[in-house]
Amino acid sequence: MSRRFHELAFTPLVKQHQEEHGSRAQYERLAERSSSGNALGPEEQTFISLRDSFYMSSVSETGWPYIQHRGGPAGFVHIIEPSLIGFADLRGNKQYISLGNFDHDARVALFFMDYPNQTRLKILGRVEIHEHDPQTPALIADFKTADKTAVIERVILIHVEAFDWNCPQHITPRYTLQELQPTLASFQKKLAKLEAENATLRDKLKLPAPKTS
């Protein structure tokens, strides 16, 4: 946990609940040992660079929080500087709820999840939108991915204010097809071998091939 996260997230009411439930002293000690800056270290930067998605929360003019999911190939979130990250905002359903919320309040909260390893990184920051300004064409060119069909409408930069690693206790492990592929490949190889052996036995016993549905 960065000390800045402690300052922003642990409001007087939050501290009151921590006192009530016996965790206040623990977080005080953590804050004292934490770095005071907002710069992402090597561990945080590597973690973000390996993610293929994240969750983004904004606040509307009515005061309601709103959460969106953003996804892309691993590395689609760029580390521009230790305290500045960014991503290409692709054309979607054209609701533009987050975009409107950012016009009202530039503050944002991000969750980066690593489900297989039950790890998450929380980031608090302020957004900087590039859509119609002179910097936009160069930024869009820098943030393009191999997906030629993706339409980048703007680039969203996030100035990191604070970050925190979260407890893995209640994160349910989930796996993408790519993450499962090494394990599946082993089973597929064994299955192919068994099918070949069965075909050989059927041929020796002159049995008909199994019907396929």
Protein backbone atom coordinates (compact mmCIF):
# COMPACT_ATOMS: atom_id res chain seq x y z
CA MET A 1 0.00 0.00 0.00
CA SER A 2 1.26 3.46 -0.84
CA ARG A 3 0.99 6.02 1.95
CA ARG A 4 -1.02 8.18 -0.41
CA PHE A 5 -3.64 5.41 -0.72
CA HIS A 6 -3.92 5.42 3.05
CA GLU A 7 -4.50 9.17 3.00
CA LEU A 8 -7.14 9.09 0.23
CA ALA A 9 -9.06 5.92 1.06
CA PHE A 10 -8.99 5.87 4.84
CA THR A 11 -11.36 8.72 5.65
CA PRO A 12 -12.44 9.49 9.24
CA LEU A 13 -15.51 7.26 8.87
CA VAL A 14 -13.39 4.43 7.44
CA LYS A 15 -10.95 4.76 10.34
CA GLN A 16 -13.88 4.67 12.74
CA HIS A 17 -14.92 1.28 11.38
CA GLN A 18 -11.32 0.05 11.47
CA GLU A 19 -11.16 1.03 15.13
CA GLU A 20 -14.42 -0.76 15.82
CA HIS A 21 -13.28 -3.95 14.13
CA GLY A 22 -9.69 -3.95 15.40
CA SER A 23 -7.69 -3.28 12.22
CA ARG A 24 -6.76 0.39 12.70
CA ALA A 25 -3.37 -0.22 14.37
CA GLN A 26 -2.38 -2.68 11.63
CA TYR A 27 -3.03 -0.15 8.87
CA GLU A 28 -1.25 2.59 10.78
CA ARG A 29 1.88 0.41 10.86
CA LEU A 30 1.54 -0.36 7.14
CA ALA A 31 1.25 3.33 6.31
CA GLU A 32 4.37 4.13 8.33
CA ARG A 33 6.39 1.54 6.36
CA SER A 34 4.95 2.48 2.96
CA SER A 35 6.50 4.76 0.36
CA SER A 36 5.13 8.29 0.33
CA GLY A 37 5.05 8.75 -3.45
CA ASN A 38 2.56 7.75 -6.13
CA ALA A 39 5.05 6.19 -8.58
CA LEU A 40 4.39 2.61 -9.65
CA GLY A 41 7.37 0.39 -8.92
CA PRO A 42 8.77 -2.41 -11.12
CA GLU A 43 6.39 -4.96 -9.58
CA GLU A 44 3.30 -2.85 -10.28
CA GLN A 45 4.44 -1.96 -13.79
CA THR A 46 5.12 -5.60 -14.70
CA PHE A 47 1.79 -6.69 -13.26
CA ILE A 48 -0.14 -4.12 -15.34
CA SER A 49 1.79 -4.96 -18.51
CA LEU A 50 0.67 -8.61 -18.26
CA ARG A 51 -3.03 -7.91 -17.80
CA ASP A 52 -5.57 -8.28 -20.61
CA SER A 53 -8.38 -6.45 -18.81
CA PHE A 54 -9.29 -4.22 -15.89
CA TYR A 55 -12.33 -2.69 -14.18
CA MET A 56 -12.80 1.08 -14.14
CA SER A 57 -15.04 3.03 -11.77
CA SER A 58 -16.21 6.62 -12.22
CA VAL A 59 -18.73 8.86 -10.43
CA SER A 60 -21.75 10.38 -12.20
CA GLU A 61 -23.34 13.79 -11.82
CA THR A 62 -26.05 12.12 -9.73
CA GLY A 63 -23.43 10.77 -7.34
CA TRP A 64 -23.83 7.16 -8.41
CA PRO A 65 -20.70 5.06 -9.03
CA TYR A 66 -20.40 3.35 -12.42
CA ILE A 67 -18.12 0.44 -13.31
CA GLN A 68 -16.94 -0.58 -16.76
CA HIS A 69 -14.79 -3.45 -17.97
CA ARG A 70 -11.97 -2.72 -20.38
CA GLY A 71 -10.15 -5.48 -22.26
CA GLY A 72 -7.54 -6.05 -24.94
CA PRO A 73 -4.36 -7.99 -25.64
CA ALA A 74 -1.90 -8.24 -22.75
CA GLY A 75 0.00 -4.96 -22.61
CA PHE A 76 -2.83 -2.81 -24.02
CA VAL A 77 -2.44 -0.63 -20.92
CA HIS A 78 0.77 1.34 -21.45
CA ILE A 79 3.14 2.45 -18.72
CA ILE A 80 4.16 5.89 -19.98
CA GLU A 81 5.85 7.00 -16.78
CA PRO A 82 5.89 5.49 -13.28
CA SER A 83 2.95 7.68 -12.34
CA LEU A 84 1.21 7.82 -15.75
CA ILE A 85 -0.56 4.98 -17.55
CA GLY A 86 -2.92 4.98 -20.51
CA PHE A 87 -5.06 2.91 -22.87
CA ALA A 88 -6.90 3.24 -26.16
CA ASP A 89 -10.64 3.75 -25.72
CA LEU A 90 -12.27 1.62 -28.42
CA ARG A 91 -15.65 2.13 -30.05
CA GLY A 92 -18.32 0.16 -28.19
CA ASN A 93 -22.03 0.52 -27.54
CA LYS A 94 -21.82 4.34 -27.68
CA GLN A 95 -23.37 4.96 -24.25
CA TYR A 96 -20.38 7.11 -23.19
CA ILE A 97 -21.31 6.92 -19.51
CA SER A 98 -17.73 6.88 -18.24
CA LEU A 99 -16.79 9.66 -20.63
CA GLY A 100 -19.60 11.87 -19.36
CA ASN A 101 -18.72 11.05 -15.78
CA PHE A 102 -15.13 12.12 -16.39
CA ASP A 103 -16.34 15.50 -17.64
CA HIS A 104 -18.01 15.87 -14.26
CA ASP A 105 -15.28 14.33 -12.07
CA ALA A 106 -11.87 13.26 -13.36
CA ARG A 107 -11.25 10.86 -10.49
CA VAL A 108 -11.13 7.15 -11.34
CA ALA A 109 -10.54 3.85 -9.56
CA LEU A 110 -9.08 0.83 -11.35
CA PHE A 111 -8.94 -2.86 -10.43
CA PHE A 112 -6.37 -5.02 -12.24
CA MET A 113 -7.07 -8.71 -11.64
CA ASP A 114 -4.87 -11.79 -11.88
CA TYR A 115 -7.41 -14.53 -11.23
CA PRO A 116 -5.14 -17.59 -11.57
CA ASN A 117 -2.73 -16.21 -8.95
CA GLN A 118 -5.52 -14.61 -6.87
CA THR A 119 -3.94 -11.15 -6.97
CA ARG A 120 -5.35 -7.67 -7.58
CA LEU A 121 -3.88 -4.20 -7.82
CA LYS A 122 -6.03 -1.14 -7.04
CA ILE A 123 -5.18 2.26 -8.49
CA LEU A 124 -6.68 5.67 -7.76
CA GLY A 125 -6.02 8.39 -10.31
CA ARG A 126 -7.25 11.27 -12.45
CA VAL A 127 -8.03 10.93 -16.13
CA GLU A 128 -6.80 13.02 -19.04
CA ILE A 129 -8.83 12.55 -22.26
CA HIS A 130 -7.29 13.00 -25.71
CA GLU A 131 -9.82 12.98 -28.55
CA HIS A 132 -9.84 16.24 -30.51
CA ASP A 133 -6.55 17.88 -29.49
CA PRO A 134 -3.30 18.02 -31.50
CA GLN A 135 -1.75 15.17 -29.45
CA THR A 136 -4.51 12.69 -30.33
CA PRO A 137 -3.25 11.34 -33.71
CA ALA A 138 0.21 10.52 -32.34
CA LEU A 139 -1.24 8.92 -29.21
CA ILE A 140 -3.67 6.80 -31.24
CA ALA A 141 -0.79 5.62 -33.42
CA ASP A 142 1.21 4.67 -30.32
CA PHE A 143 -1.69 2.78 -28.74
CA LYS A 144 -2.76 0.72 -31.76
CA THR A 145 -2.76 -3.06 -31.35
CA ALA A 146 -2.56 -5.90 -33.86
CA ASP A 147 -6.37 -5.95 -34.10
CA LYS A 148 -6.98 -4.09 -37.37
CA THR A 149 -10.77 -4.05 -36.81
CA ALA A 150 -10.55 -2.07 -33.54
CA VAL A 151 -11.61 1.56 -33.88
CA ILE A 152 -9.82 3.84 -31.41
CA GLU A 153 -12.02 6.82 -30.59
CA ARG A 154 -9.71 8.44 -28.04
CA VAL A 155 -6.83 7.77 -25.68
CA ILE A 156 -7.36 7.93 -21.95
CA LEU A 157 -4.37 8.72 -19.76
CA ILE A 158 -4.49 8.19 -16.01
CA HIS A 159 -2.31 10.12 -13.61
CA VAL A 160 -1.74 7.73 -10.72
CA GLU A 161 -2.45 9.23 -7.30
CA ALA A 162 -2.23 6.08 -5.17
CA PHE A 163 -2.20 2.29 -5.35
CA ASP A 164 -2.68 -0.75 -3.15
CA TRP A 165 -2.26 -4.51 -3.45
CA ASN A 166 -5.24 -6.43 -2.14
CA CYS A 167 -5.62 -9.55 -0.03
CA PRO A 168 -6.08 -12.70 -2.22
CA GLN A 169 -8.31 -14.45 0.30
CA HIS A 170 -11.65 -14.19 -1.54
CA ILE A 171 -10.51 -14.07 -5.18
CA THR A 172 -11.89 -17.10 -7.03
CA PRO A 173 -9.30 -18.52 -9.46
CA ARG A 174 -10.39 -18.28 -13.10
CA TYR A 175 -8.46 -19.17 -16.24
CA THR A 176 -8.51 -18.01 -19.85
CA LEU A 177 -8.24 -20.47 -22.72
CA GLN A 178 -4.68 -19.26 -23.31
CA GLU A 179 -3.77 -19.94 -19.67
CA LEU A 180 -5.32 -23.43 -19.84
CA GLN A 181 -3.72 -24.34 -23.16
CA PRO A 182 -0.52 -25.99 -21.77
CA THR A 183 -2.63 -28.29 -19.57
CA LEU A 184 -5.18 -28.95 -22.30
CA ALA A 185 -2.43 -29.75 -24.80
CA SER A 186 -1.23 -32.60 -22.59
CA PHE A 187 -4.73 -34.08 -22.37
CA GLN A 188 -5.28 -33.63 -26.11
CA LYS A 189 -2.06 -35.50 -26.81
CA LYS A 190 -3.10 -38.39 -24.53
CA LEU A 191 -6.57 -38.47 -26.10
CA ALA A 192 -5.13 -38.62 -29.61
CA LYS A 193 -2.89 -41.52 -28.54
CA LEU A 194 -5.84 -43.41 -27.03
CA GLU A 195 -7.93 -42.85 -30.15
CA ALA A 196 -5.10 -44.18 -32.31
CA GLU A 197 -4.75 -47.28 -30.09
CA ASN A 198 -8.53 -47.86 -30.21
CA ALA A 199 -8.50 -47.57 -33.99
CA THR A 200 -5.71 -50.17 -34.17
CA LEU A 201 -7.64 -52.56 -31.88
CA ARG A 202 -10.85 -52.12 -33.88
CA ASP A 203 -8.95 -52.88 -37.05
CA LYS A 204 -7.43 -56.06 -35.56
CA LEU A 205 -10.80 -57.21 -34.24
CA LYS A 206 -12.53 -56.08 -37.42
CA LEU A 207 -14.97 -53.96 -35.42
CA PRO A 208 -16.92 -51.12 -37.09
CA ALA A 209 -15.81 -47.58 -36.37
CA PRO A 210 -17.87 -45.83 -33.63
CA LYS A 211 -20.76 -43.73 -34.87
CA THR A 212 -20.45 -39.99 -34.45
CA SER A 213 -23.49 -37.90 -33.58
